[in-house]
PDB file of N, CA and C in Angstrom:
ATOM      1  N   MET A   1     -12.137   9.118   4.760  1.00  0.00           N
ATOM      2  CA  MET A   1     -12.519   9.267   3.372  1.00  0.00           C
ATOM      3  C   MET A   1     -11.808   8.189   2.558  1.00  0.00           C
ATOM      4  N   ALA A   2     -12.539   7.582   1.637  1.00  0.00           N
ATOM      5  CA  ALA A   2     -11.972   6.548   0.778  1.00  0.00           C
ATOM      6  C   ALA A   2     -11.050   7.172  -0.263  1.00  0.00           C
ATOM      7  N   ILE A   3     -10.138   6.364  -0.771  1.00  0.00           N
ATOM      8  CA  ILE A   3      -9.252   6.854  -1.818  1.00  0.00           C
ATOM      9  C   ILE A   3     -10.033   6.952  -3.130  1.00  0.00           C
ATOM     10  N   SER A   4      -9.531   7.738  -4.056  1.00  0.00           N
ATOM     11  CA  SER A   4     -10.224   7.992  -5.318  1.00  0.00           C
ATOM     12  C   SER A   4     -10.244   6.749  -6.214  1.00  0.00           C
ATOM     13  N   GLU A   5     -11.127   6.765  -7.199  1.00  0.00           N
ATOM     14  CA  GLU A   5     -11.206   5.667  -8.171  1.00  0.00           C
ATOM     15  C   GLU A   5      -9.871   5.492  -8.887  1.00  0.00           C
ATOM     16  N   PHE A   6      -9.225   6.591  -9.220  1.00  0.00           N
ATOM     17  CA  PHE A   6      -7.919   6.530  -9.871  1.00  0.00           C
ATOM     18  C   PHE A   6      -6.908   5.810  -8.980  1.00  0.00           C
ATOM     19  N   GLU A   7      -6.866   6.170  -7.689  1.00  0.00           N
ATOM     20  CA  GLU A   7      -5.948   5.534  -6.742  1.00  0.00           C
ATOM     21  C   GLU A   7      -6.287   4.061  -6.577  1.00  0.00           C
ATOM     22  N   ILE A   8      -7.578   3.736  -6.549  1.00  0.00           N
ATOM     23  CA  ILE A   8      -7.992   2.333  -6.407  1.00  0.00           C
ATOM     24  C   ILE A   8      -7.461   1.515  -7.578  1.00  0.00           C
ATOM     25  N   LYS A   9      -7.623   2.019  -8.794  1.00  0.00           N
ATOM     26  CA  LYS A   9      -7.128   1.308  -9.986  1.00  0.00           C
ATOM     27  C   LYS A   9      -5.609   1.157  -9.937  1.00  0.00           C
ATOM     28  N   LYS A  10      -4.931   2.206  -9.505  1.00  0.00           N
ATOM     29  CA  LYS A  10      -3.481   2.159  -9.378  1.00  0.00           C
ATOM     30  C   LYS A  10      -3.076   1.091  -8.353  1.00  0.00           C
ATOM     31  N   CYS A  11      -3.777   1.039  -7.229  1.00  0.00           N
ATOM     32  CA  CYS A  11      -3.495   0.045  -6.192  1.00  0.00           C
ATOM     33  C   CYS A  11      -3.756  -1.366  -6.709  1.00  0.00           C
ATOM     34  N   GLU A  12      -4.889  -1.543  -7.383  1.00  0.00           N
ATOM     35  CA  GLU A  12      -5.215  -2.864  -7.923  1.00  0.00           C
ATOM     36  C   GLU A  12      -4.121  -3.352  -8.869  1.00  0.00           C
ATOM     37  N   LYS A  13      -3.696  -2.497  -9.743  1.00  0.00           N
ATOM     38  CA  LYS A  13      -2.659  -2.861 -10.719  1.00  0.00           C
ATOM     39  C   LYS A  13      -1.354  -3.236 -10.007  1.00  0.00           C
ATOM     40  N   ALA A  14      -0.950  -2.431  -9.035  1.00  0.00           N
ATOM     41  CA  ALA A  14       0.297  -2.683  -8.303  1.00  0.00           C
ATOM     42  C   ALA A  14       0.217  -3.974  -7.481  1.00  0.00           C
ATOM     43  N   VAL A  15      -0.890  -4.173  -6.782  1.00  0.00           N
ATOM     44  CA  VAL A  15      -1.027  -5.364  -5.938  1.00  0.00           C
ATOM     45  C   VAL A  15      -1.133  -6.620  -6.802  1.00  0.00           C
ATOM     46  N   GLU A  16      -1.848  -6.552  -7.904  1.00  0.00           N
ATOM     47  CA  GLU A  16      -1.939  -7.714  -8.783  1.00  0.00           C
ATOM     48  C   GLU A  16      -0.582  -8.076  -9.374  1.00  0.00           C
ATOM     49  N   LYS A  17       0.231  -7.087  -9.671  1.00  0.00           N
ATOM     50  CA  LYS A  17       1.595  -7.348 -10.142  1.00  0.00           C
ATOM     51  C   LYS A  17       2.401  -8.025  -9.037  1.00  0.00           C
ATOM     52  N   PHE A  18       2.283  -7.525  -7.807  1.00  0.00           N
ATOM     53  CA  PHE A  18       2.963  -8.119  -6.660  1.00  0.00           C
ATOM     54  C   PHE A  18       2.538  -9.574  -6.475  1.00  0.00           C
ATOM     55  N   LEU A  19       1.217  -9.816  -6.514  1.00  0.00           N
ATOM     56  CA  LEU A  19       0.717 -11.172  -6.307  1.00  0.00           C
ATOM     57  C   LEU A  19       1.166 -12.119  -7.411  1.00  0.00           C
ATOM     58  N   SER A  20       1.288 -11.612  -8.627  1.00  0.00           N
ATOM     59  CA  SER A  20       1.694 -12.480  -9.731  1.00  0.00           C
ATOM     60  C   SER A  20       3.094 -13.063  -9.508  1.00  0.00           C
ATOM     61  N   THR A  21       3.914 -12.392  -8.724  1.00  0.00           N
ATOM     62  CA  THR A  21       5.256 -12.908  -8.447  1.00  0.00           C
ATOM     63  C   THR A  21       5.383 -13.565  -7.073  1.00  0.00           C
ATOM     64  N   HIS A  22       4.388 -13.397  -6.204  1.00  0.00           N
ATOM     65  CA  HIS A  22       4.481 -13.938  -4.846  1.00  0.00           C
ATOM     66  C   HIS A  22       3.492 -15.061  -4.541  1.00  0.00           C
ATOM     67  N   ARG A  23       2.518 -15.263  -5.403  1.00  0.00           N
ATOM     68  CA  ARG A  23       1.563 -16.350  -5.166  1.00  0.00           C
ATOM     69  C   ARG A  23       2.250 -17.696  -5.371  1.00  0.00           C
ATOM     70  N   PRO A  24       1.761 -18.725  -4.697  1.00  0.00           N
ATOM     71  CA  PRO A  24       2.322 -20.059  -4.919  1.00  0.00           C
ATOM     72  C   PRO A  24       2.014 -20.542  -6.338  1.00  0.00           C
ATOM     73  N   PRO A  25       2.687 -21.604  -6.792  1.00  0.00           N
ATOM     74  CA  PRO A  25       2.389 -22.159  -8.109  1.00  0.00           C
ATOM     75  C   PRO A  25       0.913 -22.556  -8.218  1.00  0.00           C
ATOM     76  N   THR A  26       0.397 -22.535  -9.417  1.00  0.00           N
ATOM     77  CA  THR A  26      -1.025 -22.790  -9.672  1.00  0.00           C
ATOM     78  C   THR A  26      -1.517 -24.084  -9.019  1.00  0.00           C
ATOM     79  N   HIS A  27      -0.739 -25.144  -9.081  1.00  0.00           N
ATOM     80  CA  HIS A  27      -1.194 -26.437  -8.560  1.00  0.00           C
ATOM     81  C   HIS A  27      -1.300 -26.463  -7.032  1.00  0.00           C
ATOM     82  N   LEU A  28      -0.766 -25.472  -6.350  1.00  0.00           N
ATOM     83  CA  LEU A  28      -0.844 -25.414  -4.885  1.00  0.00           C
ATOM     84  C   LEU A  28      -1.902 -24.428  -4.370  1.00  0.00           C
ATOM     85  N   ARG A  29      -2.496 -23.667  -5.253  1.00  0.00           N
ATOM     86  CA  ARG A  29      -3.377 -22.577  -4.809  1.00  0.00           C
ATOM     87  C   ARG A  29      -4.661 -23.046  -4.134  1.00  0.00           C
ATOM     88  N   ASN A  30      -5.035 -24.306  -4.268  1.00  0.00           N
ATOM     89  CA  ASN A  30      -6.179 -24.817  -3.501  1.00  0.00           C
ATOM     90  C   ASN A  30      -5.801 -25.028  -2.043  1.00  0.00           C
ATOM     91  N   GLU A  31      -4.495 -25.176  -1.795  1.00  0.00           N
ATOM     92  CA  GLU A  31      -4.016 -25.401  -0.433  1.00  0.00           C
ATOM     93  C   GLU A  31      -3.580 -24.118   0.262  1.00  0.00           C
ATOM     94  N   VAL A  32      -2.975 -23.210  -0.482  1.00  0.00           N
ATOM     95  CA  VAL A  32      -2.540 -21.926   0.074  1.00  0.00           C
ATOM     96  C   VAL A  32      -2.464 -20.912  -1.065  1.00  0.00           C
ATOM     97  N   ASP A  33      -2.933 -19.719  -0.790  1.00  0.00           N
ATOM     98  CA  ASP A  33      -2.919 -18.680  -1.817  1.00  0.00           C
ATOM     99  C   ASP A  33      -2.861 -17.317  -1.144  1.00  0.00           C
ATOM    100  N   LEU A  34      -2.610 -16.300  -1.930  1.00  0.00           N
ATOM    101  CA  LEU A  34      -2.616 -14.921  -1.450  1.00  0.00           C
ATOM    102  C   LEU A  34      -3.739 -14.166  -2.139  1.00  0.00           C
ATOM    103  N   GLY A  35      -4.322 -13.225  -1.405  1.00  0.00           N
ATOM    104  CA  GLY A  35      -5.355 -12.362  -1.959  1.00  0.00           C
ATOM    105  C   GLY A  35      -5.219 -10.973  -1.371  1.00  0.00           C
ATOM    106  N   TYR A  36      -6.120 -10.101  -1.790  1.00  0.00           N
ATOM    107  CA  TYR A  36      -6.094  -8.740  -1.254  1.00  0.00           C
ATOM    108  C   TYR A  36      -7.497  -8.148  -1.289  1.00  0.00           C
ATOM    109  N   ARG A  37      -7.655  -7.089  -0.531  1.00  0.00           N
ATOM    110  CA  ARG A  37      -8.900  -6.310  -0.571  1.00  0.00           C
ATOM    111  C   ARG A  37      -8.545  -4.847  -0.378  1.00  0.00           C
ATOM    112  N   ILE A  38      -9.358  -4.012  -0.977  1.00  0.00           N
ATOM    113  CA  ILE A  38      -9.229  -2.571  -0.798  1.00  0.00           C
ATOM    114  C   ILE A  38     -10.520  -2.108  -0.152  1.00  0.00           C
ATOM    115  N   LYS A  39     -10.395  -1.479   0.989  1.00  0.00           N
ATOM    116  CA  LYS A  39     -11.572  -1.002   1.715  1.00  0.00           C
ATOM    117  C   LYS A  39     -11.263   0.385   2.258  1.00  0.00           C
ATOM    118  N   ASN A  40     -12.130   1.338   1.887  1.00  0.00           N
ATOM    119  CA  ASN A  40     -11.916   2.735   2.257  1.00  0.00           C
ATOM    120  C   ASN A  40     -10.545   3.177   1.780  1.00  0.00           C
ATOM    121  N   GLN A  41      -9.641   3.550   2.679  1.00  0.00           N
ATOM    122  CA  GLN A  41      -8.315   4.008   2.267  1.00  0.00           C
ATOM    123  C   GLN A  41      -7.230   2.971   2.575  1.00  0.00           C
ATOM    124  N   SER A  42      -7.628   1.713   2.807  1.00  0.00           N
ATOM    125  CA  SER A  42      -6.669   0.667   3.169  1.00  0.00           C
ATOM    126  C   SER A  42      -6.584  -0.438   2.127  1.00  0.00           C
ATOM    127  N   VAL A  43      -5.393  -0.999   2.024  1.00  0.00           N
ATOM    128  CA  VAL A  43      -5.142  -2.162   1.190  1.00  0.00           C
ATOM    129  C   VAL A  43      -4.608  -3.247   2.117  1.00  0.00           C
ATOM    130  N   GLU A  44      -5.253  -4.399   2.100  1.00  0.00           N
ATOM    131  CA  GLU A  44      -4.840  -5.504   2.955  1.00  0.00           C
ATOM    132  C   GLU A  44      -4.478  -6.719   2.098  1.00  0.00           C
ATOM    133  N   ILE A  45      -3.365  -7.344   2.418  1.00  0.00           N
ATOM    134  CA  ILE A  45      -2.942  -8.585   1.781  1.00  0.00           C
ATOM    135  C   ILE A  45      -3.150  -9.700   2.798  1.00  0.00           C
ATOM    136  N   PHE A  46      -3.708 -10.830   2.336  1.00  0.00           N
ATOM    137  CA  PHE A  46      -3.980 -11.937   3.237  1.00  0.00           C
ATOM    138  C   PHE A  46      -3.687 -13.265   2.553  1.00  0.00           C
ATOM    139  N   GLU A  47      -3.513 -14.283   3.377  1.00  0.00           N
ATOM    140  CA  GLU A  47      -3.287 -15.636   2.902  1.00  0.00           C
ATOM    141  C   GLU A  47      -4.579 -16.417   3.078  1.00  0.00           C
ATOM    142  N   THR A  48      -4.921 -17.288   2.138  1.00  0.00           N
ATOM    143  CA  THR A  48      -6.099 -18.144   2.276  1.00  0.00           C
ATOM    144  C   THR A  48      -5.664 -19.602   2.284  1.00  0.00           C
ATOM    145  N   ARG A  49      -6.338 -20.372   3.119  1.00  0.00           N
ATOM    146  CA  ARG A  49      -6.104 -21.819   3.239  1.00  0.00           C
ATOM    147  C   ARG A  49      -7.434 -22.499   3.569  1.00  0.00           C
ATOM    148  N   PRO A  50      -7.533 -23.778   3.279  1.00  0.00           N
ATOM    149  CA  PRO A  50      -8.721 -24.502   3.741  1.00  0.00           C
ATOM    150  C   PRO A  50      -8.701 -24.581   5.269  1.00  0.00           C
ATOM    151  N   HIS A  51      -9.865 -24.524   5.868  1.00  0.00           N
ATOM    152  CA  HIS A  51      -9.979 -24.674   7.322  1.00  0.00           C
ATOM    153  C   HIS A  51      -9.508 -26.074   7.686  1.00  0.00           C
ATOM    154  N   TRP A  52      -8.779 -26.205   8.767  1.00  0.00           N
ATOM    155  CA  TRP A  52      -8.210 -27.499   9.153  1.00  0.00           C
ATOM    156  C   TRP A  52      -9.278 -28.549   9.431  1.00  0.00           C
ATOM    157  N   ASN A  53     -10.450 -28.097   9.882  1.00  0.00           N
ATOM    158  CA  ASN A  53     -11.506 -29.027  10.277  1.00  0.00           C
ATOM    159  C   ASN A  53     -12.566 -29.224   9.190  1.00  0.00           C
ATOM    160  N   ASP A  54     -12.602 -28.334   8.210  1.00  0.00           N
ATOM    161  CA  ASP A  54     -13.590 -28.398   7.135  1.00  0.00           C
ATOM    162  C   ASP A  54     -12.934 -27.864   5.866  1.00  0.00           C
ATOM    163  N   LYS A  55     -12.408 -28.757   5.059  1.00  0.00           N
ATOM    164  CA  LYS A  55     -11.634 -28.373   3.872  1.00  0.00           C
ATOM    165  C   LYS A  55     -12.438 -27.563   2.860  1.00  0.00           C
ATOM    166  N   SER A  56     -13.771 -27.610   2.942  1.00  0.00           N
ATOM    167  CA  SER A  56     -14.590 -26.837   2.000  1.00  0.00           C
ATOM    168  C   SER A  56     -14.670 -25.357   2.389  1.00  0.00           C
ATOM    169  N   GLU A  57     -14.274 -25.048   3.612  1.00  0.00           N
ATOM    170  CA  GLU A  57     -14.306 -23.666   4.106  1.00  0.00           C
ATOM    171  C   GLU A  57     -12.900 -23.064   4.036  1.00  0.00           C
ATOM    172  N   LYS A  58     -12.806 -21.862   3.493  1.00  0.00           N
ATOM    173  CA  LYS A  58     -11.516 -21.160   3.419  1.00  0.00           C
ATOM    174  C   LYS A  58     -11.392 -20.195   4.596  1.00  0.00           C
ATOM    175  N   ILE A  59     -10.186 -20.103   5.133  1.00  0.00           N
ATOM    176  CA  ILE A  59      -9.921 -19.125   6.187  1.00  0.00           C
ATOM    177  C   ILE A  59      -8.856 -18.153   5.684  1.00  0.00           C
ATOM    178  N   GLU A  60      -8.903 -16.945   6.186  1.00  0.00           N
ATOM    179  CA  GLU A  60      -7.950 -15.905   5.809  1.00  0.00           C
ATOM    180  C   GLU A  60      -7.049 -15.579   6.989  1.00  0.00           C
ATOM    181  N   THR A  61      -5.775 -15.425   6.692  1.00  0.00           N
ATOM    182  CA  THR A  61      -4.805 -14.992   7.685  1.00  0.00           C
ATOM    183  C   THR A  61      -4.190 -13.684   7.193  1.00  0.00           C
ATOM    184  N   PRO A  62      -4.346 -12.602   7.954  1.00  0.00           N
ATOM    185  CA  PRO A  62      -3.784 -11.319   7.524  1.00  0.00           C
ATOM    186  C   PRO A  62      -2.267 -11.381   7.379  1.00  0.00           C
ATOM    187  N   VAL A  63      -1.745 -10.696   6.369  1.00  0.00           N
ATOM    188  CA  VAL A  63      -0.306 -10.651   6.114  1.00  0.00           C
ATOM    189  C   VAL A  63       0.219  -9.234   6.335  1.00  0.00           C
ATOM    190  N   ALA A  64      -0.345  -8.267   5.620  1.00  0.00           N
ATOM    191  CA  ALA A  64       0.137  -6.885   5.698  1.00  0.00           C
ATOM    192  C   ALA A  64      -0.987  -5.931   5.336  1.00  0.00           C
ATOM    193  N   LYS A  65      -0.877  -4.711   5.837  1.00  0.00           N
ATOM    194  CA  LYS A  65      -1.897  -3.702   5.549  1.00  0.00           C
ATOM    195  C   LYS A  65      -1.228  -2.339   5.437  1.00  0.00           C
ATOM    196  N   THR A  66      -1.770  -1.520   4.553  1.00  0.00           N
ATOM    197  CA  THR A  66      -1.327  -0.142   4.445  1.00  0.00           C
ATOM    198  C   THR A  66      -2.554   0.753   4.353  1.00  0.00           C
ATOM    199  N   THR A  67      -2.463   1.907   4.940  1.00  0.00           N
ATOM    200  CA  THR A  67      -3.565   2.868   4.941  1.00  0.00           C
ATOM    201  C   THR A  67      -3.049   4.217   4.457  1.00  0.00           C
ATOM    202  N   TYR A  68      -3.763   4.775   3.481  1.00  0.00           N
ATOM    203  CA  TYR A  68      -3.365   6.059   2.910  1.00  0.00           C
ATOM    204  C   TYR A  68      -3.857   7.200   3.783  1.00  0.00           C
ATOM    205  N   VAL A  69      -2.953   8.119   4.109  1.00  0.00           N
ATOM    206  CA  VAL A  69      -3.289   9.319   4.874  1.00  0.00           C
ATOM    207  C   VAL A  69      -3.183  10.476   3.887  1.00  0.00           C
ATOM    208  N   LYS A  70      -4.328  10.892   3.376  1.00  0.00           N
ATOM    209  CA  LYS A  70      -4.368  11.874   2.297  1.00  0.00           C
ATOM    210  C   LYS A  70      -3.722  13.203   2.691  1.00  0.00           C
ATOM    211  N   ARG A  71      -3.997  13.669   3.883  1.00  0.00           N
ATOM    212  CA  ARG A  71      -3.480  14.961   4.332  1.00  0.00           C
ATOM    213  C   ARG A  71      -1.953  14.998   4.319  1.00  0.00           C
ATOM    214  N   GLN A  72      -1.325  13.877   4.655  1.00  0.00           N
ATOM    215  CA  GLN A  72       0.133  13.814   4.709  1.00  0.00           C
ATOM    216  C   GLN A  72       0.739  13.204   3.443  1.00  0.00           C
ATOM    217  N   LYS A  73      -0.119  12.645   2.592  1.00  0.00           N
ATOM    218  CA  LYS A  73       0.315  11.981   1.355  1.00  0.00           C
ATOM    219  C   LYS A  73       1.327  10.867   1.627  1.00  0.00           C
ATOM    220  N   ILE A  74       0.977  10.026   2.618  1.00  0.00           N
ATOM    221  CA  ILE A  74       1.815   8.874   2.974  1.00  0.00           C
ATOM    222  C   ILE A  74       0.940   7.633   3.124  1.00  0.00           C
ATOM    223  N   TRP A  75       1.588   6.495   3.078  1.00  0.00           N
ATOM    224  CA  TRP A  75       0.935   5.215   3.348  1.00  0.00           C
ATOM    225  C   TRP A  75       1.510   4.679   4.655  1.00  0.00           C
ATOM    226  N   LYS A  76       0.664   4.467   5.668  1.00  0.00           N
ATOM    227  CA  LYS A  76       1.102   3.872   6.926  1.00  0.00           C
ATOM    228  C   LYS A  76       1.135   2.357   6.754  1.00  0.00           C
ATOM    229  N   VAL A  77       2.154   1.736   7.327  1.00  0.00           N
ATOM    230  CA  VAL A  77       2.384   0.301   7.159  1.00  0.00           C
ATOM    231  C   VAL A  77       2.065  -0.424   8.470  1.00  0.00           C
ATOM    232  N   TYR A  78       1.341  -1.553   8.357  1.00  0.00           N
ATOM    233  CA  TYR A  78       0.951  -2.349   9.519  1.00  0.00           C
ATOM    234  C   TYR A  78       1.264  -3.824   9.298  1.00  0.00           C
ATOM    235  N   TRP A  79       1.543  -4.498  10.394  1.00  0.00           N
ATOM    236  CA  TRP A  79       1.686  -5.951  10.359  1.00  0.00           C
ATOM    237  C   TRP A  79       0.776  -6.536  11.426  1.00  0.00           C
ATOM    238  N   HIS A  80       0.397  -7.781  11.249  1.00  0.00           N
ATOM    239  CA  HIS A  80      -0.577  -8.437  12.117  1.00  0.00           C
ATOM    240  C   HIS A  80       0.162  -9.335  13.101  1.00  0.00           C
ATOM    241  N   MET A  81       0.078  -8.967  14.372  1.00  0.00           N
ATOM    242  CA  MET A  81       0.798  -9.721  15.403  1.00  0.00           C
ATOM    243  C   MET A  81      -0.038 -10.883  15.917  1.00  0.00           C
ATOM    244  N   SER A  82       0.578 -11.702  16.742  1.00  0.00           N
ATOM    245  CA  SER A  82      -0.101 -12.873  17.305  1.00  0.00           C
ATOM    246  C   SER A  82      -1.244 -12.503  18.243  1.00  0.00           C
ATOM    247  N   ASP A  83      -1.325 -11.241  18.666  1.00  0.00           N
ATOM    248  CA  ASP A  83      -2.453 -10.817  19.502  1.00  0.00           C
ATOM    249  C   ASP A  83      -3.699 -10.529  18.665  1.00  0.00           C
ATOM    250  N   MET A  84      -3.601 -10.815  17.342  1.00  0.00           N
ATOM    251  CA  MET A  84      -4.708 -10.659  16.388  1.00  0.00           C
ATOM    252  C   MET A  84      -5.072  -9.197  16.130  1.00  0.00           C
ATOM    253  N   LYS A  85      -4.122  -8.298  16.326  1.00  0.00           N
ATOM    254  CA  LYS A  85      -4.339  -6.869  16.073  1.00  0.00           C
ATOM    255  C   LYS A  85      -3.281  -6.351  15.115  1.00  0.00           C
ATOM    256  N   TRP A  86      -3.647  -5.297  14.390  1.00  0.00           N
ATOM    257  CA  TRP A  86      -2.697  -4.628  13.503  1.00  0.00           C
ATOM    258  C   TRP A  86      -1.835  -3.682  14.332  1.00  0.00           C
ATOM    259  N   HIS A  87      -0.526  -3.700  14.043  1.00  0.00           N
ATOM    260  CA  HIS A  87       0.417  -2.824  14.717  1.00  0.00           C
ATOM    261  C   HIS A  87       1.263  -2.100  13.677  1.00  0.00           C
ATOM    262  N   GLY A  88       1.646  -0.868  13.980  1.00  0.00           N
ATOM    263  CA  GLY A  88       2.534  -0.133  13.091  1.00  0.00           C
ATOM    264  C   GLY A  88       3.835  -0.897  12.905  1.00  0.00           C
ATOM    265  N   TYR A  89       4.308  -0.933  11.697  1.00  0.00           N
ATOM    266  CA  TYR A  89       5.547  -1.636  11.375  1.00  0.00           C
ATOM    267  C   TYR A  89       6.703  -0.705  11.718  1.00  0.00           C
ATOM    268  N   GLU A  90       7.300  -0.912  12.872  1.00  0.00           N
ATOM    269  CA  GLU A  90       8.286   0.018  13.416  1.00  0.00           C
ATOM    270  C   GLU A  90       9.535   0.228  12.564  1.00  0.00           C
ATOM    271  N   PRO A  91      10.080  -0.768  11.912  1.00  0.00           N
ATOM    272  CA  PRO A  91      11.266  -0.442  11.102  1.00  0.00           C
ATOM    273  C   PRO A  91      10.974   0.604  10.024  1.00  0.00           C
ATOM    274  N   THR A  92       9.777   0.549   9.441  1.00  0.00           N
ATOM    275  CA  THR A  92       9.384   1.517   8.414  1.00  0.00           C
ATOM    276  C   THR A  92       7.883   1.783   8.587  1.00  0.00           C
ATOM    277  N   PRO A  93       7.510   2.707   9.449  1.00  0.00           N
ATOM    278  CA  PRO A  93       6.100   2.929   9.756  1.00  0.00           C
ATOM    279  C   PRO A  93       5.292   3.579   8.640  1.00  0.00           C
ATOM    280  N   GLU A  94       5.985   4.191   7.683  1.00  0.00           N
ATOM    281  CA  GLU A  94       5.267   4.827   6.572  1.00  0.00           C
ATOM    282  C   GLU A  94       6.140   4.834   5.329  1.00  0.00           C
ATOM    283  N   VAL A  95       5.446   4.823   4.180  1.00  0.00           N
ATOM    284  CA  VAL A  95       6.131   4.862   2.885  1.00  0.00           C
ATOM    285  C   VAL A  95       5.413   5.887   2.011  1.00  0.00           C
ATOM    286  N   SER A  96       6.035   6.211   0.900  1.00  0.00           N
ATOM    287  CA  SER A  96       5.484   7.268   0.054  1.00  0.00           C
ATOM    288  C   SER A  96       4.530   6.776  -1.031  1.00  0.00           C
ATOM    289  N   SER A  97       4.499   5.451  -1.278  1.00  0.00           N
ATOM    290  CA  SER A  97       3.649   4.942  -2.355  1.00  0.00           C
ATOM    291  C   SER A  97       3.220   3.509  -2.087  1.00  0.00           C
ATOM    292  N   ILE A  98       2.199   3.076  -2.806  1.00  0.00           N
ATOM    293  CA  ILE A  98       1.748   1.684  -2.697  1.00  0.00           C
ATOM    294  C   ILE A  98       2.852   0.748  -3.189  1.00  0.00           C
ATOM    295  N   GLU A  99       3.586   1.165  -4.195  1.00  0.00           N
ATOM    296  CA  GLU A  99       4.681   0.343  -4.714  1.00  0.00           C
ATOM    297  C   GLU A  99       5.776   0.149  -3.659  1.00  0.00           C
ATOM    298  N   ALA A 100       6.086   1.211  -2.911  1.00  0.00           N
ATOM    299  CA  ALA A 100       7.091   1.109  -1.849  1.00  0.00           C
ATOM    300  C   ALA A 100       6.616   0.160  -0.752  1.00  0.00           C
ATOM    301  N   PHE A 101       5.337   0.189  -0.453  1.00  0.00           N
ATOM    302  CA  PHE A 101       4.758  -0.751   0.521  1.00  0.00           C
ATOM    303  C   PHE A 101       4.947  -2.187   0.055  1.00  0.00           C
ATOM    304  N   LEU A 102       4.657  -2.444  -1.207  1.00  0.00           N
ATOM    305  CA  LEU A 102       4.758  -3.803  -1.735  1.00  0.00           C
ATOM    306  C   LEU A 102       6.201  -4.297  -1.770  1.00  0.00           C
ATOM    307  N   VAL A 103       7.142  -3.413  -2.033  1.00  0.00           N
ATOM    308  CA  VAL A 103       8.562  -3.785  -1.981  1.00  0.00           C
ATOM    309  C   VAL A 103       8.923  -4.177  -0.556  1.00  0.00           C
ATOM    310  N   LEU A 104       8.471  -3.397   0.414  1.00  0.00           N
ATOM    311  CA  LEU A 104       8.728  -3.664   1.829  1.00  0.00           C
ATOM    312  C   LEU A 104       8.175  -5.030   2.235  1.00  0.00           C
ATOM    313  N   VAL A 105       6.948  -5.305   1.837  1.00  0.00           N
ATOM    314  CA  VAL A 105       6.310  -6.588   2.169  1.00  0.00           C
ATOM    315  C   VAL A 105       7.048  -7.732   1.471  1.00  0.00           C
ATOM    316  N   GLY A 106       7.389  -7.547   0.213  1.00  0.00           N
ATOM    317  CA  GLY A 106       8.084  -8.586  -0.529  1.00  0.00           C
ATOM    318  C   GLY A 106       9.447  -8.924   0.055  1.00  0.00           C
ATOM    319  N   GLU A 107      10.157  -7.917   0.514  1.00  0.00           N
ATOM    320  CA  GLU A 107      11.479  -8.146   1.121  1.00  0.00           C
ATOM    321  C   GLU A 107      11.335  -8.813   2.481  1.00  0.00           C
ATOM    322  N   ASP A 108      10.366  -8.387   3.271  1.00  0.00           N
ATOM    323  CA  ASP A 108      10.084  -8.940   4.602  1.00  0.00           C
ATOM    324  C   ASP A 108      11.365  -9.174   5.415  1.00  0.00           C
ATOM    325  N   LYS A 109      12.196  -8.148   5.491  1.00  0.00           N
ATOM    326  CA  LYS A 109      13.509  -8.250   6.147  1.00  0.00           C
ATOM    327  C   LYS A 109      13.435  -8.733   7.597  1.00  0.00           C
ATOM    328  N   HIS A 110      12.361  -8.384   8.298  1.00  0.00           N
ATOM    329  CA  HIS A 110      12.244  -8.734   9.717  1.00  0.00           C
ATOM    330  C   HIS A 110      11.268  -9.877   9.948  1.00  0.00           C
ATOM    331  N   CYS A 111      10.866 -10.556   8.886  1.00  0.00           N
ATOM    332  CA  CYS A 111       9.969 -11.717   8.952  1.00  0.00           C
ATOM    333  C   CYS A 111       8.681 -11.432   9.725  1.00  0.00           C
ATOM    334  N   CYS A 112       8.148 -10.242   9.546  1.00  0.00           N
ATOM    335  CA  CYS A 112       6.905  -9.864  10.221  1.00  0.00           C
ATOM    336  C   CYS A 112       5.669 -10.169   9.376  1.00  0.00           C
ATOM    337  N   PHE A 113       5.797 -10.150   8.078  1.00  0.00           N
ATOM    338  CA  PHE A 113       4.636 -10.316   7.209  1.00  0.00           C
ATOM    339  C   PHE A 113       4.375 -11.790   6.892  1.00  0.00           C
ATOM    340  N   PHE A 114       5.376 -12.478   6.394  1.00  0.00           N
ATOM    341  CA  PHE A 114       5.200 -13.880   6.004  1.00  0.00           C
ATOM    342  C   PHE A 114       5.799 -14.867   6.995  1.00  0.00           C
ATOM    343  N   GLY A 115       6.443 -14.347   8.032  1.00  0.00           N
ATOM    344  CA  GLY A 115       6.975 -15.211   9.071  1.00  0.00           C
ATOM    345  C   GLY A 115       8.348 -15.738   8.835  1.00  0.00           C
TER     346      GLY A 115
END
């Protein structure tokens, strides 16, 4: 089940605040930038860059993902490994809010999200 419209707006506001402090400077955003998407009950943060072989094409590299589990009222945290799959973030597999997820990603203590 997808999260409610209220939760979506709350997520958008929180993620946009996060991106406003973590995106590269404006003059570099054609070369590298951060974005996000909300789909069903998940929020995904990704990096965009021009394709190495065709600069007019943008490619996305996953950074971090969280999925809301309504029954438990928690957000599960995932990171994208080199095997191209999402894996539970073992140091902190779940958080209580979207804001807590964004703090975790921003700190990136174990260099799993941004490398």
